[in-house]
Amino acid sequence: MDRIRIRGGRRLKGAIPISGAKNAALPLMVASLLTSGTLRLGNLPHLADISTLATLLAELGVDISMDGDAPGGGHFGRVLALTARKIASTTAPYDLVRRMRASVLVLGPLVAREGVARVSLPGGCAIGNRPVDLHLKGLEQLGAAIDVQAGYIEARAPKAGLRGGHIVFPMVSVGATENLLMAASLARGVSVLSNAAREPEVMDLARCLIAMGAQIDGVGTDTLTVQGSETLSGATHNVIPDRIETGTYAMAAAMTGGDVELVGAEESHIESLIEKLREARVRVTPTARGLRIAHGRGRLKGIDVMTEPYPGFPTDLQAQMMAMMSVAGGAAMITESIFENRFMHVPELGRMGANINVHGASAMVRGVPSLTGAEVMATDLRASVSLVLAGLVAEGETIVNRVYHLDRGYERLEEKLAACGADIERIKG
C-alpha cells in the first residue's frame, strides 16, 4: 500500500494549478443518464472517484471516451464524452456503490428516464452516518414508489412517470438537492425545491442542466423551480475549479510561511475561508490568474471556526483548518455542525505534538511552537490531507499511511507541492 513521506520545514513558493472540482464533476457525469445525446465535460480531474463512477455509468449503458483536450491541454484540458443512447441496466450494484456514496446520485436520473431504478444502499461512512432518507422522500413527492429491501433501494414511477411536486428539505443536503434536481428535470409539470443547497457544485449542475435544455429558475438561491422537460439534449460544459483543493493549498501556503499563487482559483466560491484566513493574519490577494496566498507578519493567529452549509465555512476544510490552528498562536475553537465523527484526525495530529481537546462537536486547539514528524494513519479524504499539511511544517520526517484516501480527491498532490519546494514523495507499497 502506498505511503507519502514528507520532510518538513520548507517554505512553499511558486504556483499551484487548481484542478476541476471532484464534487461538481460527479453529479455532472451522472447527468449524462438524462439524455440520449452526448454530454462533453471539460476540466475533469483525474481521481479515483471519477474512475469509480465511470465504471458504474458504463455498466448502466453510458459510452465514455476521451474527447480531446480543451484549451490549456494536459490535466486541465481533459474532456470526457458521455453518451447514454440507451440505458442497458437500471441496477447499480453494491460492489460499485459501496466504494463511493455519490453513486446514489444515479437513482433520480434512472427512475426519471426509465421509470425504474434499483440502487444499492451506500452504507455508512468513516465521517459519520449520511442517510439517503431525503433522496427517497423527495422522489416519493415526485410520484415514485419506493421500497427498500435486501440492501437495495427500488424506485418505480407509475406509467405516466414522475410528476412535479413541492419538496421542502428539512435540512440542507447537497446530494439530495442534486438527485432531485436531475429527477425534476424530466418530471411532468413544475417542481419546487425549497431549502435547497446553494453550494457552487449545485449551481454548476444546474447550469449544465440548463445547457441541456432544462428550465430552472432560482439558481444560487435556496429555492429552485424546475419546469420539467420531456427530453433533454447533449451539451458541452466545463467543471468549476475545486474550492476545497483551493482552500487546502491556501492553508498549506499559510502554514509554511509561503507565498503561492493558486492558478484558476475562484474567489467567490471560498469567501468564508478567505475571511477566516485574513482573520488569522494571512494575506489573500486576487491576481489575474487566481489568488495569491502569502504569510502575513508574525505568527498565525488562533481563530474560531464553525462549519455550516454554504455560504458558511465548509466541513470539507475543517480538518485542514485544525492542522493550521495547531501551529498558530493562542487558542482556537473549531466546531463541526455538519457530520458526526469528523474529528478522527485529532489523535493522529496529537501523535505529531498538536494540543487538541475534543468536547462533543467542538475541539479546542492550543497552538504549539512546532510539530514533530511521526508515522500517522489517514482515516478519510480530508483527514488525510490535514496530516500532509501538518507534515509540511513538522520537524523531521512524517509518513502518512493509507493514502488511497488522498487519491480519491486530490489530483497529483505530491507533484503540485513538490513544484513549490516541499520535500514530499510517494513511496510505492
Protein backbone atom coordinates (compact mmCIF):
# COMPACT_ATOMS: atom_id res chain seq x y z
CA MET A 1 0.00 0.00 0.00
CA ASP A 2 1.38 3.42 -0.98
CA ARG A 3 2.60 5.88 1.63
CA ILE A 4 3.68 9.52 1.49
CA ARG A 5 6.92 10.70 3.07
CA ILE A 6 7.37 14.36 3.99
CA ARG A 7 10.36 16.13 5.44
CA GLY A 8 9.01 19.32 6.93
CA GLY A 9 10.31 22.82 7.32
CA ARG A 10 10.28 24.07 3.75
CA ARG A 11 8.52 27.26 2.73
CA LEU A 12 6.15 26.85 -0.23
CA LYS A 13 6.77 29.31 -3.04
CA GLY A 14 5.51 29.29 -6.61
CA ALA A 15 2.24 28.48 -8.37
CA ILE A 16 -0.22 25.62 -7.94
CA PRO A 17 -2.81 24.93 -10.64
CA ILE A 18 -6.27 24.16 -9.24
CA SER A 19 -8.00 21.13 -10.75
CA GLY A 20 -11.66 20.73 -11.60
CA ALA A 21 -13.92 20.12 -8.62
CA LYS A 22 -14.50 16.46 -7.81
CA ASN A 23 -17.76 17.25 -6.01
CA ALA A 24 -19.03 19.06 -9.10
CA ALA A 25 -17.73 16.52 -11.62
CA LEU A 26 -19.51 13.52 -10.09
CA PRO A 27 -23.14 14.78 -10.41
CA LEU A 28 -22.29 16.26 -13.81
CA MET A 29 -21.20 12.82 -15.03
CA VAL A 30 -24.42 11.31 -13.68
CA ALA A 31 -26.43 13.92 -15.62
CA SER A 32 -25.43 12.03 -18.78
CA LEU A 33 -28.11 9.47 -17.85
CA LEU A 34 -30.81 12.07 -18.53
CA THR A 35 -30.23 12.27 -22.28
CA SER A 36 -29.51 10.10 -25.29
CA GLY A 37 -27.27 12.89 -26.56
CA THR A 38 -23.58 13.36 -25.77
CA LEU A 39 -22.53 15.32 -22.71
CA ARG A 40 -18.98 16.65 -23.00
CA LEU A 41 -17.37 17.63 -19.73
CA GLY A 42 -14.13 19.60 -19.69
CA ASN A 43 -11.71 20.25 -16.80
CA LEU A 44 -12.38 16.84 -15.24
CA PRO A 45 -9.88 15.90 -12.54
CA HIS A 46 -8.07 12.57 -12.76
CA LEU A 47 -9.14 10.93 -9.50
CA ALA A 48 -10.08 7.53 -8.13
CA ASP A 49 -13.69 8.63 -7.51
CA ILE A 50 -14.04 9.75 -11.14
CA SER A 51 -12.84 6.34 -12.32
CA THR A 52 -15.20 4.54 -9.93
CA LEU A 53 -18.21 6.48 -11.18
CA ALA A 54 -17.16 5.99 -14.81
CA THR A 55 -17.15 2.22 -14.19
CA LEU A 56 -20.67 2.37 -12.74
CA LEU A 57 -22.01 4.54 -15.57
CA ALA A 58 -20.50 2.20 -18.15
CA GLU A 59 -22.35 -0.70 -16.52
CA LEU A 60 -25.58 1.27 -16.82
CA GLY A 61 -25.00 1.75 -20.54
CA VAL A 62 -23.11 5.04 -20.82
CA ASP A 63 -20.47 5.09 -23.55
CA ILE A 64 -17.48 7.03 -22.20
CA SER A 65 -14.50 8.22 -24.18
CA MET A 66 -11.78 10.85 -24.11
CA ASP A 67 -12.77 13.62 -26.48
CA GLY A 68 -9.54 15.54 -26.97
CA ASP A 69 -8.24 18.44 -24.94
CA ALA A 70 -9.83 21.77 -24.21
CA PRO A 71 -7.68 24.95 -24.37
CA GLY A 72 -4.87 24.64 -21.86
CA GLY A 73 -4.17 20.96 -22.51
CA GLY A 74 -2.86 18.45 -20.00
CA HIS A 75 -4.90 17.56 -16.93
CA PHE A 76 -6.86 20.79 -17.08
CA GLY A 77 -7.87 20.24 -20.68
CA ARG A 78 -9.21 16.72 -20.13
CA VAL A 79 -12.56 16.34 -21.86
CA LEU A 80 -14.77 13.30 -21.35
CA ALA A 81 -17.63 12.48 -23.70
CA LEU A 82 -20.52 10.56 -22.12
CA THR A 83 -23.34 9.17 -24.24
CA ALA A 84 -26.26 7.16 -22.85
CA ARG A 85 -28.13 6.39 -26.07
CA LYS A 86 -29.89 3.52 -24.35
CA ILE A 87 -29.90 2.53 -20.69
CA ALA A 88 -28.53 -1.04 -20.56
CA SER A 89 -29.26 -1.63 -16.88
CA THR A 90 -31.23 0.13 -14.17
CA THR A 91 -29.37 -1.59 -11.33
CA ALA A 92 -26.42 0.00 -9.52
CA PRO A 93 -24.81 -2.94 -7.70
CA TYR A 94 -23.43 -2.95 -4.18
CA ASP A 95 -19.87 -3.72 -5.26
CA LEU A 96 -19.65 -0.37 -7.05
CA VAL A 97 -21.89 1.80 -4.87
CA ARG A 98 -20.08 0.80 -1.66
CA ARG A 99 -16.86 2.37 -2.96
CA MET A 100 -18.36 5.83 -3.19
CA ARG A 101 -21.51 7.29 -1.66
CA ALA A 102 -22.03 9.69 -4.57
CA SER A 103 -23.10 6.67 -6.65
CA VAL A 104 -26.59 7.03 -5.15
CA LEU A 105 -27.00 10.05 -7.44
CA VAL A 106 -27.90 7.68 -10.30
CA LEU A 107 -31.20 6.93 -8.53
CA GLY A 108 -33.11 10.06 -9.59
CA PRO A 109 -31.98 10.16 -13.23
CA LEU A 110 -32.66 6.44 -13.76
CA VAL A 111 -36.21 6.48 -12.41
CA ALA A 112 -36.91 9.76 -14.24
CA ARG A 113 -35.79 8.38 -17.60
CA GLU A 114 -36.65 4.68 -17.32
CA GLY A 115 -39.40 4.64 -14.72
CA VAL A 116 -37.48 2.19 -12.59
CA ALA A 117 -34.20 2.05 -10.65
CA ARG A 118 -32.57 -0.41 -8.30
CA VAL A 119 -29.64 1.11 -6.41
CA SER A 120 -27.68 -0.40 -3.56
CA LEU A 121 -27.79 1.42 -0.24
CA PRO A 122 -24.40 3.11 0.13
CA GLY A 123 -23.98 2.10 3.77
CA GLY A 124 -22.11 4.01 6.47
CA CYS A 125 -19.15 6.34 6.21
CA ALA A 126 -15.99 6.96 8.18
CA ILE A 127 -17.06 10.54 8.91
CA GLY A 128 -20.49 9.62 10.16
CA ASN A 129 -23.87 8.40 9.02
CA ARG A 130 -25.20 10.17 5.95
CA PRO A 131 -28.66 8.68 5.32
CA VAL A 132 -30.44 8.85 1.98
CA ASP A 133 -33.86 9.49 3.52
CA LEU A 134 -34.13 12.94 1.95
CA HIS A 135 -33.44 11.50 -1.51
CA LEU A 136 -36.17 8.88 -1.09
CA LYS A 137 -38.82 11.16 0.45
CA GLY A 138 -38.22 13.69 -2.31
CA LEU A 139 -38.67 11.09 -5.04
CA GLU A 140 -41.89 9.95 -3.38
CA GLN A 141 -43.14 13.54 -3.58
CA LEU A 142 -42.40 13.40 -7.30
CA GLY A 143 -44.64 10.33 -7.60
CA ALA A 144 -42.17 7.48 -7.24
CA ALA A 145 -42.99 4.35 -5.24
CA ILE A 146 -40.02 3.46 -3.04
CA ASP A 147 -39.24 0.09 -1.49
CA VAL A 148 -36.08 -0.79 0.41
CA GLN A 149 -35.26 -4.46 0.70
CA ALA A 150 -32.20 -6.73 0.77
CA GLY A 151 -29.93 -3.71 0.92
CA TYR A 152 -31.29 -2.11 -2.25
CA ILE A 153 -33.46 0.92 -2.98
CA GLU A 154 -36.11 0.06 -5.54
CA ALA A 155 -37.84 3.04 -7.09
CA ARG A 156 -40.69 2.86 -9.58
CA ALA A 157 -42.74 5.56 -11.23
CA PRO A 158 -46.28 4.96 -12.49
CA LYS A 159 -46.78 4.55 -16.23
CA ALA A 160 -47.04 8.30 -16.60
CA GLY A 161 -43.60 8.76 -14.99
CA LEU A 162 -42.53 11.28 -12.39
CA ARG A 163 -44.66 14.37 -11.85
CA GLY A 164 -43.85 17.79 -10.46
CA GLY A 165 -44.12 18.44 -6.74
CA HIS A 166 -43.11 20.76 -3.93
CA ILE A 167 -40.23 19.38 -1.90
CA VAL A 168 -39.22 21.11 1.33
CA PHE A 169 -35.92 19.77 2.65
CA PRO A 170 -35.98 19.61 6.47
CA MET A 171 -32.23 20.13 6.41
CA VAL A 172 -29.79 21.28 3.73
CA SER A 173 -28.47 18.35 1.71
CA VAL A 174 -26.21 18.76 -1.30
CA GLY A 175 -26.68 15.19 -2.53
CA ALA A 176 -30.46 15.19 -2.18
CA THR A 177 -30.72 18.58 -3.91
CA GLU A 178 -28.64 17.29 -6.83
CA ASN A 179 -30.51 14.00 -7.11
CA LEU A 180 -33.94 15.62 -7.08
CA LEU A 181 -32.90 18.49 -9.34
CA MET A 182 -31.93 15.94 -12.00
CA ALA A 183 -35.10 13.90 -11.49
CA ALA A 184 -37.31 17.00 -11.66
CA SER A 185 -35.74 17.99 -14.98
CA LEU A 186 -37.57 15.07 -16.64
CA ALA A 187 -40.72 15.11 -14.48
CA ARG A 188 -44.08 16.28 -15.83
CA GLY A 189 -45.04 19.75 -14.63
CA VAL A 190 -43.40 22.13 -12.20
CA SER A 191 -41.26 21.12 -9.24
CA VAL A 192 -40.16 23.42 -6.43
CA LEU A 193 -37.20 22.53 -4.22
CA SER A 194 -37.27 24.61 -1.02
CA ASN A 195 -34.37 24.88 1.43
CA ALA A 196 -32.17 23.57 -1.38
CA ALA A 197 -28.39 23.50 -1.07
CA ARG A 198 -26.65 26.55 -2.57
CA GLU A 199 -23.13 25.15 -2.95
CA PRO A 200 -21.21 26.15 -6.10
CA GLU A 201 -21.28 22.49 -7.14
CA VAL A 202 -25.09 22.52 -7.11
CA MET A 203 -25.11 25.72 -9.17
CA ASP A 204 -22.67 24.12 -11.62
CA LEU A 205 -25.00 21.15 -12.08
CA ALA A 206 -27.97 23.48 -12.62
CA ARG A 207 -26.08 25.46 -15.26
CA CYS A 208 -25.18 22.24 -17.07
CA LEU A 209 -28.78 21.03 -16.96
CA ILE A 210 -29.91 24.37 -18.39
CA ALA A 211 -27.40 23.94 -21.22
CA MET A 212 -29.03 20.52 -21.83
CA GLY A 213 -32.42 22.19 -22.18
CA ALA A 214 -33.78 22.11 -18.63
CA GLN A 215 -35.81 25.07 -17.38
CA ILE A 216 -34.55 26.00 -13.92
CA ASP A 217 -35.12 29.26 -12.03
CA GLY A 218 -33.54 30.40 -8.77
CA VAL A 219 -30.03 29.08 -9.39
CA GLY A 220 -27.85 30.22 -6.49
CA THR A 221 -30.79 30.60 -4.09
CA ASP A 222 -32.37 28.14 -1.67
CA THR A 223 -35.48 27.79 -3.84
CA LEU A 224 -35.18 26.06 -7.20
CA THR A 225 -38.13 25.96 -9.58
CA VAL A 226 -37.96 23.38 -12.34
CA GLN A 227 -40.27 23.13 -15.33
CA GLY A 228 -39.93 19.52 -16.36
CA SER A 229 -39.00 18.67 -19.94
CA GLU A 230 -39.96 15.64 -21.99
CA THR A 231 -36.39 15.18 -23.15
CA LEU A 232 -33.00 16.80 -22.65
CA SER A 233 -30.20 17.13 -25.18
CA GLY A 234 -26.44 16.80 -25.08
CA ALA A 235 -24.25 19.76 -24.14
CA THR A 236 -20.68 20.90 -23.54
CA HIS A 237 -19.76 22.08 -20.05
CA ASN A 238 -16.57 22.83 -18.10
CA VAL A 239 -16.31 21.76 -14.46
CA ILE A 240 -15.71 24.59 -11.96
CA PRO A 241 -12.38 24.78 -10.07
CA ASP A 242 -12.19 22.80 -6.84
CA ARG A 243 -12.80 25.16 -3.91
CA ILE A 244 -11.73 22.50 -1.39
CA GLU A 245 -8.42 21.96 -3.16
CA THR A 246 -8.06 25.74 -3.31
CA GLY A 247 -8.58 26.05 0.43
CA THR A 248 -6.25 23.16 1.20
CA TYR A 249 -3.33 24.66 -0.70
CA ALA A 250 -4.11 28.12 0.66
CA MET A 251 -3.66 26.81 4.20
CA ALA A 252 -0.54 24.87 3.19
CA ALA A 253 0.99 28.11 1.94
CA ALA A 254 -0.03 29.99 5.09
CA MET A 255 1.26 27.30 7.49
CA THR A 256 4.68 27.11 5.84
CA GLY A 257 5.12 30.90 5.75
CA GLY A 258 4.92 30.65 1.98
CA ASP A 259 3.91 32.73 -1.00
CA VAL A 260 1.86 30.79 -3.54
CA GLU A 261 -0.39 31.71 -6.45
CA LEU A 262 -3.37 29.40 -6.82
CA VAL A 263 -3.96 29.42 -10.57
CA GLY A 264 -7.59 29.04 -11.59
CA ALA A 265 -8.97 29.56 -8.08
CA GLU A 266 -12.40 31.17 -7.89
CA GLU A 267 -12.52 33.79 -5.13
CA SER A 268 -16.31 33.94 -4.92
CA HIS A 269 -16.50 30.24 -4.04
CA ILE A 270 -14.40 30.50 -0.87
CA GLU A 271 -15.37 33.83 0.67
CA SER A 272 -15.97 32.28 4.09
CA LEU A 273 -12.48 30.77 4.09
CA ILE A 274 -10.85 33.98 2.88
CA GLU A 275 -12.49 35.86 5.76
CA LYS A 276 -11.03 33.36 8.25
CA LEU A 277 -7.59 33.36 6.62
CA ARG A 278 -7.37 37.14 6.87
CA GLU A 279 -8.53 36.95 10.48
CA ALA A 280 -5.62 34.54 11.08
CA ARG A 281 -3.17 37.10 9.55
CA VAL A 282 -2.87 35.52 6.11
CA ARG A 283 -2.66 37.81 3.08
CA VAL A 284 -5.10 36.84 0.31
CA THR A 285 -4.85 38.85 -2.91
CA PRO A 286 -6.74 38.33 -6.20
CA THR A 287 -4.49 38.01 -9.26
CA ALA A 288 -5.12 37.89 -12.98
CA ARG A 289 -4.86 34.10 -12.81
CA GLY A 290 -6.48 33.33 -9.46
CA LEU A 291 -5.45 34.07 -5.88
CA ARG A 292 -2.14 34.79 -4.15
CA ILE A 293 -1.71 33.44 -0.63
CA ALA A 294 1.12 34.86 1.46
CA HIS A 295 2.02 34.62 5.12
CA GLY A 296 1.47 37.92 6.89
CA ARG A 297 3.53 39.47 9.66
CA GLY A 298 4.22 37.49 12.79
CA ARG A 299 2.80 34.17 13.80
CA LEU A 300 -0.54 32.88 12.56
CA LYS A 301 -3.35 33.84 14.93
CA GLY A 302 -5.71 31.33 16.51
CA ILE A 303 -9.32 31.84 15.37
CA ASP A 304 -12.71 30.21 15.99
CA VAL A 305 -14.43 28.34 13.17
CA MET A 306 -17.82 26.64 12.84
CA THR A 307 -18.70 24.54 9.80
CA GLU A 308 -22.01 25.40 8.13
CA PRO A 309 -23.81 24.79 4.83
CA TYR A 310 -22.69 27.10 2.02
CA PRO A 311 -22.03 30.02 2.11
CA GLY A 312 -20.72 29.15 5.59
CA PHE A 313 -17.35 27.56 6.31
CA PRO A 314 -17.07 24.18 4.51
CA THR A 315 -16.95 20.99 6.55
CA ASP A 316 -14.50 19.67 3.95
CA LEU A 317 -11.94 22.26 5.12
CA GLN A 318 -12.37 21.67 8.85
CA ALA A 319 -9.52 19.15 9.23
CA GLN A 320 -7.12 21.36 7.27
CA MET A 321 -8.03 24.38 9.41
CA MET A 322 -7.39 22.31 12.54
CA ALA A 323 -3.92 21.44 11.25
CA MET A 324 -3.22 25.13 10.60
CA MET A 325 -4.51 26.17 14.02
CA SER A 326 -2.28 23.57 15.69
CA VAL A 327 0.74 25.80 14.93
CA ALA A 328 -1.00 29.18 15.34
CA GLY A 329 -0.55 31.49 18.29
CA GLY A 330 -3.12 31.27 21.07
CA ALA A 331 -6.20 29.07 21.11
CA ALA A 332 -8.85 28.22 18.52
CA MET A 333 -12.26 26.61 18.91
CA ILE A 334 -13.36 24.50 15.93
CA THR A 335 -16.97 23.32 15.87
CA GLU A 336 -18.29 20.71 13.44
CA SER A 337 -22.03 21.09 12.79
CA ILE A 338 -22.42 19.02 9.62
CA PHE A 339 -21.11 15.50 10.31
CA GLU A 340 -20.52 13.46 13.43
CA ASN A 341 -17.27 11.51 13.80
CA ARG A 342 -15.32 14.07 11.80
CA PHE A 343 -12.57 14.54 14.37
CA MET A 344 -10.81 11.25 13.69
CA HIS A 345 -7.71 13.14 12.57
CA VAL A 346 -7.28 14.55 16.09
CA PRO A 347 -5.40 11.56 17.58
CA GLU A 348 -3.07 11.46 14.58
CA LEU A 349 -2.32 15.19 14.83
CA GLY A 350 -1.74 14.54 18.53
CA ARG A 351 0.94 12.00 17.61
CA MET A 352 2.75 14.88 15.93
CA GLY A 353 2.56 17.06 19.03
CA ALA A 354 -0.64 19.02 18.43
CA ASN A 355 -2.54 20.10 21.56
CA ILE A 356 -6.20 19.39 20.81
CA ASN A 357 -9.04 18.55 23.21
CA VAL A 358 -12.39 17.42 21.86
CA HIS A 359 -15.62 18.24 23.69
CA GLY A 360 -18.58 16.81 21.79
CA ALA A 361 -18.87 18.62 18.47
CA SER A 362 -16.14 21.13 19.31
CA ALA A 363 -12.37 20.90 19.52
CA MET A 364 -10.17 23.29 21.47
CA VAL A 365 -6.84 23.74 19.68
CA ARG A 366 -3.99 25.36 21.56
CA GLY A 367 -1.21 26.24 19.17
CA VAL A 368 2.25 24.77 19.78
CA PRO A 369 5.59 26.25 18.65
CA SER A 370 6.25 23.30 16.35
CA LEU A 371 5.07 19.83 15.40
CA THR A 372 7.24 16.73 15.21
CA GLY A 373 7.29 14.27 12.34
CA ALA A 374 5.73 10.86 13.01
CA GLU A 375 4.13 7.89 11.30
CA VAL A 376 0.41 8.56 11.03
CA MET A 377 -2.67 6.89 9.59
CA ALA A 378 -5.22 8.52 7.28
CA THR A 379 -8.88 7.80 8.13
CA ASP A 380 -10.73 9.67 5.37
CA LEU A 381 -10.08 12.04 2.48
CA ARG A 382 -9.90 15.40 4.28
CA ALA A 383 -8.32 13.95 7.43
CA SER A 384 -5.53 12.50 5.30
CA VAL A 385 -4.67 15.82 3.69
CA SER A 386 -4.63 17.53 7.10
CA LEU A 387 -1.82 15.15 8.07
CA VAL A 388 0.07 16.12 4.93
CA LEU A 389 -0.26 19.80 5.88
CA ALA A 390 0.99 19.04 9.38
CA GLY A 391 3.92 17.13 7.88
CA LEU A 392 4.89 20.15 5.79
CA VAL A 393 5.64 22.17 8.95
CA ALA A 394 6.76 19.38 11.29
CA GLU A 395 10.35 18.91 12.34
CA GLY A 396 11.81 15.74 10.87
CA GLU A 397 10.07 13.09 8.78
CA THR A 398 6.38 12.28 8.56
CA ILE A 399 5.00 9.12 6.96
CA VAL A 400 1.30 9.17 6.01
CA ASN A 401 -0.22 5.72 5.57
CA ARG A 402 -3.37 4.69 3.67
CA VAL A 403 -3.03 7.48 1.13
CA TYR A 404 -5.58 5.87 -1.17
CA HIS A 405 -7.95 8.28 0.58
CA LEU A 406 -5.97 11.17 -0.93
CA ASP A 407 -6.21 9.72 -4.41
CA ARG A 408 -9.99 9.99 -4.19
CA GLY A 409 -9.93 13.77 -4.04
CA TYR A 410 -6.53 15.34 -4.79
CA GLU A 411 -5.01 15.24 -8.24
CA ARG A 412 -1.19 14.99 -8.29
CA LEU A 413 -0.89 16.31 -4.73
CA GLU A 414 2.79 15.38 -4.24
CA GLU A 415 3.72 16.81 -7.64
CA LYS A 416 1.98 20.12 -7.00
CA LEU A 417 3.53 20.58 -3.56
CA ALA A 418 6.99 19.47 -4.68
CA ALA A 419 6.90 22.02 -7.51
CA CYS A 420 6.61 24.72 -4.83
CA GLY A 421 9.56 23.45 -2.80
CA ALA A 422 8.05 20.82 -0.50
CA ASP A 423 10.19 17.77 0.29
CA ILE A 424 7.49 15.19 -0.39
CA GLU A 425 7.39 11.88 -2.22
CA ARG A 426 5.19 8.84 -2.66
CA ILE A 427 6.59 5.52 -1.53
CA LYS A 428 5.07 2.70 -3.56
CA GLY A 429 3.69 -0.13 -1.48
